Amino acid sequence: LFSGMTGTAAADAAGLGAIEYEAMQDAGYEKGYSAAVTGSSAIIGPII
């Protein structure tokens, strides 16, 4: 959803990244996995 507004992967990772990571930590996800999902989803931005 956010990729249709920013156009850059860095903006997604920096803008949504902290929120997404914190939410996954609150839900009990492993730290490395949480960061990896956040990073992988961020690169969708410059494609859409």
ModelCIF file with pLDDT and N, C-alpha, C, O atoms, coordinates in Angstrom:
data_MODEL
#
_entry.id   MODEL 
#
_entity.id                         1 
_entity.type                       polymer 
_entity.pdbx_number_of_molecules   1 
#
_entity_poly.entity_id                      1 
_entity_poly.type                           'polypeptide(L)' 
_entity_poly.nstd_linkage                   no 
_entity_poly.nstd_monomer                   no 
_entity_poly.pdbx_seq_one_letter_code       LFSGMTGTAAADAAGLGAIEYEAMQDAGYEKGYSAAVTGSSAIIGPII 
_entity_poly.pdbx_seq_one_letter_code_can   LFSGMTGTAAADAAGLGAIEYEAMQDAGYEKGYSAAVTGSSAIIGPII 
_entity_poly.pdbx_strand_id                 A 
#
loop_
_entity_poly_seq.entity_id 
_entity_poly_seq.num 
_entity_poly_seq.mon_id 
_entity_poly_seq.hetero 
1 1  LEU n 
1 2  PHE n 
1 3  SER n 
1 4  GLY n 
1 5  MET n 
1 6  THR n 
1 7  GLY n 
1 8  THR n 
1 9  ALA n 
1 10 ALA n 
1 11 ALA n 
1 12 ASP n 
1 13 ALA n 
1 14 ALA n 
1 15 GLY n 
1 16 LEU n 
1 17 GLY n 
1 18 ALA n 
1 19 ILE n 
1 20 GLU n 
1 21 TYR n 
1 22 GLU n 
1 23 ALA n 
1 24 MET n 
1 25 GLN n 
1 26 ASP n 
1 27 ALA n 
1 28 GLY n 
1 29 TYR n 
1 30 GLU n 
1 31 LYS n 
1 32 GLY n 
1 33 TYR n 
1 34 SER n 
1 35 ALA n 
1 36 ALA n 
1 37 VAL n 
1 38 THR n 
1 39 GLY n 
1 40 SER n 
1 41 SER n 
1 42 ALA n 
1 43 ILE n 
1 44 ILE n 
1 45 GLY n 
1 46 PRO n 
1 47 ILE n 
1 48 ILE n 
#
_struct_asym.id          A 
_struct_asym.entity_id   1 
#
loop_
_ma_qa_metric.id 
_ma_qa_metric.mode 
_ma_qa_metric.name 
_ma_qa_metric.software_group_id 
_ma_qa_metric.type 
1 global pLDDT . pLDDT 
2 local  pLDDT . pLDDT 
#
_ma_qa_metric_global.metric_id      1 
_ma_qa_metric_global.metric_value   77.58 
_ma_qa_metric_global.model_id       1 
_ma_qa_metric_global.ordinal_id     1 
#
loop_
_ma_qa_metric_local.label_asym_id 
_ma_qa_metric_local.label_comp_id 
_ma_qa_metric_local.label_seq_id 
_ma_qa_metric_local.metric_id 
_ma_qa_metric_local.metric_value 
_ma_qa_metric_local.model_id 
_ma_qa_metric_local.ordinal_id 
A LEU 1  2 75.00 1 1  
A PHE 2  2 71.00 1 2  
A SER 3  2 64.00 1 3  
A GLY 4  2 55.00 1 4  
A MET 5  2 60.00 1 5  
A THR 6  2 58.00 1 6  
A GLY 7  2 60.00 1 7  
A THR 8  2 68.00 1 8  
A ALA 9  2 72.00 1 9  
A ALA 10 2 70.00 1 10 
A ALA 11 2 67.00 1 11 
A ASP 12 2 69.00 1 12 
A ALA 13 2 74.00 1 13 
A ALA 14 2 69.00 1 14 
A GLY 15 2 66.00 1 15 
A LEU 16 2 70.00 1 16 
A GLY 17 2 74.00 1 17 
A ALA 18 2 75.00 1 18 
A ILE 19 2 76.00 1 19 
A GLU 20 2 78.00 1 20 
A TYR 21 2 82.00 1 21 
A GLU 22 2 81.00 1 22 
A ALA 23 2 78.00 1 23 
A MET 24 2 80.00 1 24 
A GLN 25 2 82.00 1 25 
A ASP 26 2 77.00 1 26 
A ALA 27 2 76.00 1 27 
A GLY 28 2 79.00 1 28 
A TYR 29 2 83.00 1 29 
A GLU 30 2 85.00 1 30 
A LYS 31 2 88.00 1 31 
A GLY 32 2 88.00 1 32 
A TYR 33 2 88.00 1 33 
A SER 34 2 87.00 1 34 
A ALA 35 2 88.00 1 35 
A ALA 36 2 90.00 1 36 
A VAL 37 2 89.00 1 37 
A THR 38 2 87.00 1 38 
A GLY 39 2 87.00 1 39 
A SER 40 2 88.00 1 40 
A SER 41 2 86.00 1 41 
A ALA 42 2 84.00 1 42 
A ILE 43 2 86.00 1 43 
A ILE 44 2 84.00 1 44 
A GLY 45 2 78.00 1 45 
A PRO 46 2 82.00 1 46 
A ILE 47 2 87.00 1 47 
A ILE 48 2 83.00 1 48 
#
loop_
_atom_site.group_PDB 
_atom_site.id 
_atom_site.type_symbol 
_atom_site.label_atom_id 
_atom_site.label_alt_id 
_atom_site.label_comp_id 
_atom_site.label_asym_id 
_atom_site.label_entity_id 
_atom_site.label_seq_id 
_atom_site.pdbx_PDB_ins_code 
_atom_site.Cartn_x 
_atom_site.Cartn_y 
_atom_site.Cartn_z 
_atom_site.occupancy 
_atom_site.B_iso_or_equiv 
_atom_site.pdbx_formal_charge 
_atom_site.auth_seq_id 
_atom_site.auth_comp_id 
_atom_site.auth_asym_id 
_atom_site.auth_atom_id 
_atom_site.pdbx_PDB_model_num 
ATOM 1   N N  . LEU A 1 1  ? 0.826  -1.206  0.000   1.00 75.00 ? 1  LEU A N  1 
ATOM 2   C CA . LEU A 1 1  ? 0.000  0.000   0.000   1.00 75.00 ? 1  LEU A CA 1 
ATOM 3   C C  . LEU A 1 1  ? 0.861  1.257   0.000   1.00 75.00 ? 1  LEU A C  1 
ATOM 4   O O  . LEU A 1 1  ? 0.578  2.216   -0.718  1.00 75.00 ? 1  LEU A O  1 
ATOM 5   N N  . PHE A 1 2  ? 1.913  1.241   0.812   1.00 71.00 ? 2  PHE A N  1 
ATOM 6   C CA . PHE A 1 2  ? 2.766  2.419   0.959   1.00 71.00 ? 2  PHE A CA 1 
ATOM 7   C C  . PHE A 1 2  ? 3.597  2.653   -0.291  1.00 71.00 ? 2  PHE A C  1 
ATOM 8   O O  . PHE A 1 2  ? 3.961  3.791   -0.584  1.00 71.00 ? 2  PHE A O  1 
ATOM 9   N N  . SER A 1 3  ? 3.910  1.570   -1.048  1.00 64.00 ? 3  SER A N  1 
ATOM 10  C CA . SER A 1 3  ? 4.751  1.697   -2.235  1.00 64.00 ? 3  SER A CA 1 
ATOM 11  C C  . SER A 1 3  ? 4.079  2.524   -3.312  1.00 64.00 ? 3  SER A C  1 
ATOM 12  O O  . SER A 1 3  ? 4.754  3.106   -4.162  1.00 64.00 ? 3  SER A O  1 
ATOM 13  N N  . GLY A 1 4  ? 2.740  2.581   -3.285  1.00 55.00 ? 4  GLY A N  1 
ATOM 14  C CA . GLY A 1 4  ? 2.032  3.375   -4.265  1.00 55.00 ? 4  GLY A CA 1 
ATOM 15  C C  . GLY A 1 4  ? 2.046  4.860   -3.962  1.00 55.00 ? 4  GLY A C  1 
ATOM 16  O O  . GLY A 1 4  ? 1.334  5.635   -4.601  1.00 55.00 ? 4  GLY A O  1 
ATOM 17  N N  . MET A 1 5  ? 2.860  5.266   -2.984  1.00 60.00 ? 5  MET A N  1 
ATOM 18  C CA . MET A 1 5  ? 2.871  6.674   -2.595  1.00 60.00 ? 5  MET A CA 1 
ATOM 19  C C  . MET A 1 5  ? 4.275  7.265   -2.529  1.00 60.00 ? 5  MET A C  1 
ATOM 20  O O  . MET A 1 5  ? 4.436  8.466   -2.746  1.00 60.00 ? 5  MET A O  1 
ATOM 21  N N  . THR A 1 6  ? 5.296  6.459   -2.237  1.00 58.00 ? 6  THR A N  1 
ATOM 22  C CA . THR A 1 6  ? 6.626  7.012   -1.982  1.00 58.00 ? 6  THR A CA 1 
ATOM 23  C C  . THR A 1 6  ? 7.574  6.870   -3.165  1.00 58.00 ? 6  THR A C  1 
ATOM 24  O O  . THR A 1 6  ? 8.263  7.827   -3.518  1.00 58.00 ? 6  THR A O  1 
ATOM 25  N N  . GLY A 1 7  ? 7.620  5.690   -3.783  1.00 60.00 ? 7  GLY A N  1 
ATOM 26  C CA . GLY A 1 7  ? 8.474  5.497   -4.945  1.00 60.00 ? 7  GLY A CA 1 
ATOM 27  C C  . GLY A 1 7  ? 9.908  5.125   -4.633  1.00 60.00 ? 7  GLY A C  1 
ATOM 28  O O  . GLY A 1 7  ? 10.703 4.950   -5.556  1.00 60.00 ? 7  GLY A O  1 
ATOM 29  N N  . THR A 1 8  ? 10.270 4.997   -3.359  1.00 68.00 ? 8  THR A N  1 
ATOM 30  C CA . THR A 1 8  ? 11.636 4.614   -3.024  1.00 68.00 ? 8  THR A CA 1 
ATOM 31  C C  . THR A 1 8  ? 11.633 3.546   -1.935  1.00 68.00 ? 8  THR A C  1 
ATOM 32  O O  . THR A 1 8  ? 10.806 3.570   -1.024  1.00 68.00 ? 8  THR A O  1 
ATOM 33  N N  . ALA A 1 9  ? 12.574 2.609   -2.048  1.00 72.00 ? 9  ALA A N  1 
ATOM 34  C CA . ALA A 1 9  ? 12.683 1.539   -1.061  1.00 72.00 ? 9  ALA A CA 1 
ATOM 35  C C  . ALA A 1 9  ? 13.169 2.091   0.279   1.00 72.00 ? 9  ALA A C  1 
ATOM 36  O O  . ALA A 1 9  ? 12.718 1.653   1.337   1.00 72.00 ? 9  ALA A O  1 
ATOM 37  N N  . ALA A 1 10 ? 14.087 3.049   0.226   1.00 70.00 ? 10 ALA A N  1 
ATOM 38  C CA . ALA A 1 10 ? 14.628 3.608   1.464   1.00 70.00 ? 10 ALA A CA 1 
ATOM 39  C C  . ALA A 1 10 ? 13.546 4.299   2.279   1.00 70.00 ? 10 ALA A C  1 
ATOM 40  O O  . ALA A 1 10 ? 13.541 4.214   3.507   1.00 70.00 ? 10 ALA A O  1 
ATOM 41  N N  . ALA A 1 11 ? 12.609 4.997   1.588   1.00 67.00 ? 11 ALA A N  1 
ATOM 42  C CA . ALA A 1 11 ? 11.520 5.671   2.296   1.00 67.00 ? 11 ALA A CA 1 
ATOM 43  C C  . ALA A 1 11 ? 10.626 4.661   2.990   1.00 67.00 ? 11 ALA A C  1 
ATOM 44  O O  . ALA A 1 11 ? 10.171 4.894   4.110   1.00 67.00 ? 11 ALA A O  1 
ATOM 45  N N  . ASP A 1 12 ? 10.373 3.545   2.332   1.00 69.00 ? 12 ASP A N  1 
ATOM 46  C CA . ASP A 1 12 ? 9.549  2.493   2.943   1.00 69.00 ? 12 ASP A CA 1 
ATOM 47  C C  . ASP A 1 12 ? 10.251 1.931   4.175   1.00 69.00 ? 12 ASP A C  1 
ATOM 48  O O  . ASP A 1 12 ? 9.651  1.824   5.245   1.00 69.00 ? 12 ASP A O  1 
ATOM 49  N N  . ALA A 1 13 ? 11.533 1.571   4.018   1.00 74.00 ? 13 ALA A N  1 
ATOM 50  C CA . ALA A 1 13 ? 12.270 0.964   5.127   1.00 74.00 ? 13 ALA A CA 1 
ATOM 51  C C  . ALA A 1 13 ? 12.413 1.929   6.300   1.00 74.00 ? 13 ALA A C  1 
ATOM 52  O O  . ALA A 1 13 ? 12.301 1.524   7.457   1.00 74.00 ? 13 ALA A O  1 
ATOM 53  N N  . ALA A 1 14 ? 12.659 3.197   6.005   1.00 69.00 ? 14 ALA A N  1 
ATOM 54  C CA . ALA A 1 14 ? 12.851 4.170   7.073   1.00 69.00 ? 14 ALA A CA 1 
ATOM 55  C C  . ALA A 1 14 ? 11.521 4.633   7.666   1.00 69.00 ? 14 ALA A C  1 
ATOM 56  O O  . ALA A 1 14 ? 11.431 4.889   8.867   1.00 69.00 ? 14 ALA A O  1 
ATOM 57  N N  . GLY A 1 15 ? 10.478 4.740   6.817   1.00 66.00 ? 15 GLY A N  1 
ATOM 58  C CA . GLY A 1 15 ? 9.203  5.243   7.293   1.00 66.00 ? 15 GLY A CA 1 
ATOM 59  C C  . GLY A 1 15 ? 8.376  4.184   7.998   1.00 66.00 ? 15 GLY A C  1 
ATOM 60  O O  . GLY A 1 15 ? 7.977  4.349   9.150   1.00 66.00 ? 15 GLY A O  1 
ATOM 61  N N  . LEU A 1 16 ? 8.125  3.089   7.284   1.00 70.00 ? 16 LEU A N  1 
ATOM 62  C CA . LEU A 1 16 ? 7.334  2.003   7.857   1.00 70.00 ? 16 LEU A CA 1 
ATOM 63  C C  . LEU A 1 16 ? 8.187  1.017   8.650   1.00 70.00 ? 16 LEU A C  1 
ATOM 64  O O  . LEU A 1 16 ? 7.676  0.311   9.519   1.00 70.00 ? 16 LEU A O  1 
ATOM 65  N N  . GLY A 1 17 ? 9.466  0.969   8.358   1.00 74.00 ? 17 GLY A N  1 
ATOM 66  C CA . GLY A 1 17 ? 10.329 -0.081  8.905   1.00 74.00 ? 17 GLY A CA 1 
ATOM 67  C C  . GLY A 1 17 ? 10.263 -0.233  10.406  1.00 74.00 ? 17 GLY A C  1 
ATOM 68  O O  . GLY A 1 17 ? 10.069 -1.335  10.919  1.00 74.00 ? 17 GLY A O  1 
ATOM 69  N N  . ALA A 1 18 ? 10.427 0.887   11.121  1.00 75.00 ? 18 ALA A N  1 
ATOM 70  C CA . ALA A 1 18 ? 10.425 0.831   12.582  1.00 75.00 ? 18 ALA A CA 1 
ATOM 71  C C  . ALA A 1 18 ? 9.069  0.367   13.110  1.00 75.00 ? 18 ALA A C  1 
ATOM 72  O O  . ALA A 1 18 ? 9.000  -0.406  14.065  1.00 75.00 ? 18 ALA A O  1 
ATOM 73  N N  . ILE A 1 19 ? 7.990  0.842   12.483  1.00 76.00 ? 19 ILE A N  1 
ATOM 74  C CA . ILE A 1 19 ? 6.644  0.459   12.917  1.00 76.00 ? 19 ILE A CA 1 
ATOM 75  C C  . ILE A 1 19 ? 6.418  -1.030  12.696  1.00 76.00 ? 19 ILE A C  1 
ATOM 76  O O  . ILE A 1 19 ? 5.927  -1.731  13.581  1.00 76.00 ? 19 ILE A O  1 
ATOM 77  N N  . GLU A 1 20 ? 6.783  -1.510  11.503  1.00 78.00 ? 20 GLU A N  1 
ATOM 78  C CA . GLU A 1 20 ? 6.594  -2.923  11.170  1.00 78.00 ? 20 GLU A CA 1 
ATOM 79  C C  . GLU A 1 20 ? 7.411  -3.823  12.085  1.00 78.00 ? 20 GLU A C  1 
ATOM 80  O O  . GLU A 1 20 ? 6.920  -4.841  12.575  1.00 78.00 ? 20 GLU A O  1 
ATOM 81  N N  . TYR A 1 21 ? 8.662  -3.436  12.310  1.00 82.00 ? 21 TYR A N  1 
ATOM 82  C CA . TYR A 1 21 ? 9.541  -4.249  13.148  1.00 82.00 ? 21 TYR A CA 1 
ATOM 83  C C  . TYR A 1 21 ? 9.010  -4.310  14.589  1.00 82.00 ? 21 TYR A C  1 
ATOM 84  O O  . TYR A 1 21 ? 8.966  -5.379  15.197  1.00 82.00 ? 21 TYR A O  1 
ATOM 85  N N  . GLU A 1 22 ? 8.615  -3.167  15.116  1.00 81.00 ? 22 GLU A N  1 
ATOM 86  C CA . GLU A 1 22 ? 8.122  -3.125  16.501  1.00 81.00 ? 22 GLU A CA 1 
ATOM 87  C C  . GLU A 1 22 ? 6.865  -3.981  16.657  1.00 81.00 ? 22 GLU A C  1 
ATOM 88  O O  . GLU A 1 22 ? 6.705  -4.679  17.658  1.00 81.00 ? 22 GLU A O  1 
ATOM 89  N N  . ALA A 1 23 ? 5.976  -3.926  15.663  1.00 78.00 ? 23 ALA A N  1 
ATOM 90  C CA . ALA A 1 23 ? 4.745  -4.721  15.724  1.00 78.00 ? 23 ALA A CA 1 
ATOM 91  C C  . ALA A 1 23 ? 5.060  -6.213  15.711  1.00 78.00 ? 23 ALA A C  1 
ATOM 92  O O  . ALA A 1 23 ? 4.425  -6.988  16.426  1.00 78.00 ? 23 ALA A O  1 
ATOM 93  N N  . MET A 1 24 ? 6.029  -6.615  14.908  1.00 80.00 ? 24 MET A N  1 
ATOM 94  C CA . MET A 1 24 ? 6.399  -8.032  14.859  1.00 80.00 ? 24 MET A CA 1 
ATOM 95  C C  . MET A 1 24 ? 7.058  -8.469  16.162  1.00 80.00 ? 24 MET A C  1 
ATOM 96  O O  . MET A 1 24 ? 6.882  -9.608  16.596  1.00 80.00 ? 24 MET A O  1 
ATOM 97  N N  . GLN A 1 25 ? 7.815  -7.570  16.787  1.00 82.00 ? 25 GLN A N  1 
ATOM 98  C CA . GLN A 1 25 ? 8.426  -7.906  18.072  1.00 82.00 ? 25 GLN A CA 1 
ATOM 99  C C  . GLN A 1 25 ? 7.375  -8.048  19.167  1.00 82.00 ? 25 GLN A C  1 
ATOM 100 O O  . GLN A 1 25 ? 7.455  -8.941  20.010  1.00 82.00 ? 25 GLN A O  1 
ATOM 101 N N  . ASP A 1 26 ? 6.391  -7.155  19.140  1.00 77.00 ? 26 ASP A N  1 
ATOM 102 C CA . ASP A 1 26 ? 5.307  -7.237  20.127  1.00 77.00 ? 26 ASP A CA 1 
ATOM 103 C C  . ASP A 1 26 ? 4.530  -8.540  19.992  1.00 77.00 ? 26 ASP A C  1 
ATOM 104 O O  . ASP A 1 26 ? 3.974  -9.048  20.966  1.00 77.00 ? 26 ASP A O  1 
ATOM 105 N N  . ALA A 1 27 ? 4.496  -9.081  18.762  1.00 76.00 ? 27 ALA A N  1 
ATOM 106 C CA . ALA A 1 27 ? 3.778  -10.337 18.525  1.00 76.00 ? 27 ALA A CA 1 
ATOM 107 C C  . ALA A 1 27 ? 4.646  -11.562 18.772  1.00 76.00 ? 27 ALA A C  1 
ATOM 108 O O  . ALA A 1 27 ? 4.182  -12.688 18.595  1.00 76.00 ? 27 ALA A O  1 
ATOM 109 N N  . GLY A 1 28 ? 5.911  -11.363 19.183  1.00 79.00 ? 28 GLY A N  1 
ATOM 110 C CA . GLY A 1 28 ? 6.767  -12.479 19.560  1.00 79.00 ? 28 GLY A CA 1 
ATOM 111 C C  . GLY A 1 28 ? 7.593  -13.093 18.442  1.00 79.00 ? 28 GLY A C  1 
ATOM 112 O O  . GLY A 1 28 ? 8.069  -14.219 18.586  1.00 79.00 ? 28 GLY A O  1 
ATOM 113 N N  . TYR A 1 29 ? 7.776  -12.392 17.341  1.00 83.00 ? 29 TYR A N  1 
ATOM 114 C CA . TYR A 1 29 ? 8.571  -12.920 16.239  1.00 83.00 ? 29 TYR A CA 1 
ATOM 115 C C  . TYR A 1 29 ? 10.058 -12.763 16.521  1.00 83.00 ? 29 TYR A C  1 
ATOM 116 O O  . TYR A 1 29 ? 10.477 -11.866 17.252  1.00 83.00 ? 29 TYR A O  1 
ATOM 117 N N  . GLU A 1 30 ? 10.845 -13.649 15.929  1.00 85.00 ? 30 GLU A N  1 
ATOM 118 C CA . GLU A 1 30 ? 12.300 -13.598 16.081  1.00 85.00 ? 30 GLU A CA 1 
ATOM 119 C C  . GLU A 1 30 ? 12.842 -12.326 15.436  1.00 85.00 ? 30 GLU A C  1 
ATOM 120 O O  . GLU A 1 30 ? 12.353 -11.899 14.390  1.00 85.00 ? 30 GLU A O  1 
ATOM 121 N N  . LYS A 1 31 ? 13.850 -11.725 16.059  1.00 88.00 ? 31 LYS A N  1 
ATOM 122 C CA . LYS A 1 31 ? 14.327 -10.410 15.618  1.00 88.00 ? 31 LYS A CA 1 
ATOM 123 C C  . LYS A 1 31 ? 14.858 -10.420 14.192  1.00 88.00 ? 31 LYS A C  1 
ATOM 124 O O  . LYS A 1 31 ? 14.505 -9.555  13.391  1.00 88.00 ? 31 LYS A O  1 
ATOM 125 N N  . GLY A 1 32 ? 15.703 -11.395 13.870  1.00 88.00 ? 32 GLY A N  1 
ATOM 126 C CA . GLY A 1 32 ? 16.283 -11.438 12.532  1.00 88.00 ? 32 GLY A CA 1 
ATOM 127 C C  . GLY A 1 32 ? 15.214 -11.611 11.461  1.00 88.00 ? 32 GLY A C  1 
ATOM 128 O O  . GLY A 1 32 ? 15.258 -10.957 10.419  1.00 88.00 ? 32 GLY A O  1 
ATOM 129 N N  . TYR A 1 33 ? 14.252 -12.497 11.722  1.00 88.00 ? 33 TYR A N  1 
ATOM 130 C CA . TYR A 1 33 ? 13.164 -12.729 10.777  1.00 88.00 ? 33 TYR A CA 1 
ATOM 131 C C  . TYR A 1 33 ? 12.340 -11.459 10.591  1.00 88.00 ? 33 TYR A C  1 
ATOM 132 O O  . TYR A 1 33 ? 11.952 -11.131 9.469   1.00 88.00 ? 33 TYR A O  1 
ATOM 133 N N  . SER A 1 34 ? 12.072 -10.751 11.670  1.00 87.00 ? 34 SER A N  1 
ATOM 134 C CA . SER A 1 34 ? 11.302 -9.510  11.587  1.00 87.00 ? 34 SER A CA 1 
ATOM 135 C C  . SER A 1 34 ? 12.012 -8.484  10.697  1.00 87.00 ? 34 SER A C  1 
ATOM 136 O O  . SER A 1 34 ? 11.387 -7.834  9.859   1.00 87.00 ? 34 SER A O  1 
ATOM 137 N N  . ALA A 1 35 ? 13.314 -8.354  10.893  1.00 88.00 ? 35 ALA A N  1 
ATOM 138 C CA . ALA A 1 35 ? 14.075 -7.400  10.082  1.00 88.00 ? 35 ALA A CA 1 
ATOM 139 C C  . ALA A 1 35 ? 14.118 -7.829  8.619   1.00 88.00 ? 35 ALA A C  1 
ATOM 140 O O  . ALA A 1 35 ? 14.039 -6.989  7.723   1.00 88.00 ? 35 ALA A O  1 
ATOM 141 N N  . ALA A 1 36 ? 14.243 -9.141  8.373   1.00 90.00 ? 36 ALA A N  1 
ATOM 142 C CA . ALA A 1 36 ? 14.322 -9.645  7.003   1.00 90.00 ? 36 ALA A CA 1 
ATOM 143 C C  . ALA A 1 36 ? 13.017 -9.418  6.251   1.00 90.00 ? 36 ALA A C  1 
ATOM 144 O O  . ALA A 1 36 ? 13.036 -9.032  5.082   1.00 90.00 ? 36 ALA A O  1 
ATOM 145 N N  . VAL A 1 37 ? 11.886 -9.654  6.907   1.00 89.00 ? 37 VAL A N  1 
ATOM 146 C CA . VAL A 1 37 ? 10.583 -9.403  6.268   1.00 89.00 ? 37 VAL A CA 1 
ATOM 147 C C  . VAL A 1 37 ? 10.444 -7.918  5.952   1.00 89.00 ? 37 VAL A C  1 
ATOM 148 O O  . VAL A 1 37 ? 9.985  -7.552  4.870   1.00 89.00 ? 37 VAL A O  1 
ATOM 149 N N  . THR A 1 38 ? 10.838 -7.069  6.884   1.00 87.00 ? 38 THR A N  1 
ATOM 150 C CA . THR A 1 38 ? 10.739 -5.621  6.684   1.00 87.00 ? 38 THR A CA 1 
ATOM 151 C C  . THR A 1 38 ? 11.584 -5.169  5.501   1.00 87.00 ? 38 THR A C  1 
ATOM 152 O O  . THR A 1 38 ? 11.132 -4.363  4.688   1.00 87.00 ? 38 THR A O  1 
ATOM 153 N N  . GLY A 1 39 ? 12.798 -5.678  5.398   1.00 87.00 ? 39 GLY A N  1 
ATOM 154 C CA . GLY A 1 39 ? 13.676 -5.296  4.296   1.00 87.00 ? 39 GLY A CA 1 
ATOM 155 C C  . GLY A 1 39 ? 13.190 -5.814  2.954   1.00 87.00 ? 39 GLY A C  1 
ATOM 156 O O  . GLY A 1 39 ? 13.225 -5.097  1.954   1.00 87.00 ? 39 GLY A O  1 
ATOM 157 N N  . SER A 1 40 ? 12.738 -7.058  2.932   1.00 88.00 ? 40 SER A N  1 
ATOM 158 C CA . SER A 1 40 ? 12.282 -7.653  1.672   1.00 88.00 ? 40 SER A CA 1 
ATOM 159 C C  . SER A 1 40 ? 11.046 -6.944  1.128   1.00 88.00 ? 40 SER A C  1 
ATOM 160 O O  . SER A 1 40 ? 10.924 -6.729  -0.078  1.00 88.00 ? 40 SER A O  1 
ATOM 161 N N  . SER A 1 41 ? 10.132 -6.583  2.023   1.00 86.00 ? 41 SER A N  1 
ATOM 162 C CA . SER A 1 41 ? 8.917  -5.909  1.565   1.00 86.00 ? 41 SER A CA 1 
ATOM 163 C C  . SER A 1 41 ? 9.205  -4.493  1.071   1.00 86.00 ? 41 SER A C  1 
ATOM 164 O O  . SER A 1 41 ? 8.466  -3.963  0.242   1.00 86.00 ? 41 SER A O  1 
ATOM 165 N N  . ALA A 1 42 ? 10.279 -3.875  1.578   1.00 84.00 ? 42 ALA A N  1 
ATOM 166 C CA . ALA A 1 42 ? 10.578 -2.485  1.209   1.00 84.00 ? 42 ALA A CA 1 
ATOM 167 C C  . ALA A 1 42 ? 10.957 -2.347  -0.262  1.00 84.00 ? 42 ALA A C  1 
ATOM 168 O O  . ALA A 1 42 ? 10.699 -1.304  -0.861  1.00 84.00 ? 42 ALA A O  1 
ATOM 169 N N  . ILE A 1 43 ? 11.566 -3.376  -0.859  1.00 86.00 ? 43 ILE A N  1 
ATOM 170 C CA . ILE A 1 43 ? 12.034 -3.223  -2.242  1.00 86.00 ? 43 ILE A CA 1 
ATOM 171 C C  . ILE A 1 43 ? 10.895 -3.344  -3.261  1.00 86.00 ? 43 ILE A C  1 
ATOM 172 O O  . ILE A 1 43 ? 11.117 -3.191  -4.462  1.00 86.00 ? 43 ILE A O  1 
ATOM 173 N N  . ILE A 1 44 ? 9.678  -3.617  -2.781  1.00 84.00 ? 44 ILE A N  1 
ATOM 174 C CA . ILE A 1 44 ? 8.539  -3.617  -3.705  1.00 84.00 ? 44 ILE A CA 1 
ATOM 175 C C  . ILE A 1 44 ? 8.250  -2.195  -4.172  1.00 84.00 ? 44 ILE A C  1 
ATOM 176 O O  . ILE A 1 44 ? 7.761  -1.994  -5.284  1.00 84.00 ? 44 ILE A O  1 
ATOM 177 N N  . GLY A 1 45 ? 8.554  -1.196  -3.319  1.00 78.00 ? 45 GLY A N  1 
ATOM 178 C CA . GLY A 1 45 ? 8.217  0.192   -3.606  1.00 78.00 ? 45 GLY A CA 1 
ATOM 179 C C  . GLY A 1 45 ? 8.641  0.700   -4.965  1.00 78.00 ? 45 GLY A C  1 
ATOM 180 O O  . GLY A 1 45 ? 7.810  1.265   -5.676  1.00 78.00 ? 45 GLY A O  1 
ATOM 181 N N  . PRO A 1 46 ? 9.896  0.529   -5.367  1.00 82.00 ? 46 PRO A N  1 
ATOM 182 C CA . PRO A 1 46 ? 10.319 1.053   -6.668  1.00 82.00 ? 46 PRO A CA 1 
ATOM 183 C C  . PRO A 1 46 ? 9.859  0.231   -7.867  1.00 82.00 ? 46 PRO A C  1 
ATOM 184 O O  . PRO A 1 46 ? 10.166 0.593   -9.003  1.00 82.00 ? 46 PRO A O  1 
ATOM 185 N N  . ILE A 1 47 ? 9.133  -0.861  -7.651  1.00 87.00 ? 47 ILE A N  1 
ATOM 186 C CA . ILE A 1 47 ? 8.609  -1.648  -8.767  1.00 87.00 ? 47 ILE A CA 1 
ATOM 187 C C  . ILE A 1 47 ? 7.182  -1.207  -9.078  1.00 87.00 ? 47 ILE A C  1 
ATOM 188 O O  . ILE A 1 47 ? 6.832  -1.008  -10.241 1.00 87.00 ? 47 ILE A O  1 
ATOM 189 N N  . ILE A 1 48 ? 6.354  -1.053  -8.039  1.00 83.00 ? 48 ILE A N  1 
ATOM 190 C CA . ILE A 1 48 ? 4.982  -0.577  -8.214  1.00 83.00 ? 48 ILE A CA 1 
ATOM 191 C C  . ILE A 1 48 ? 4.990  0.953   -8.266  1.00 83.00 ? 48 ILE A C  1 
ATOM 192 O O  . ILE A 1 48 ? 3.935  1.572   -8.409  1.00 83.00 ? 48 ILE A O  1 
#
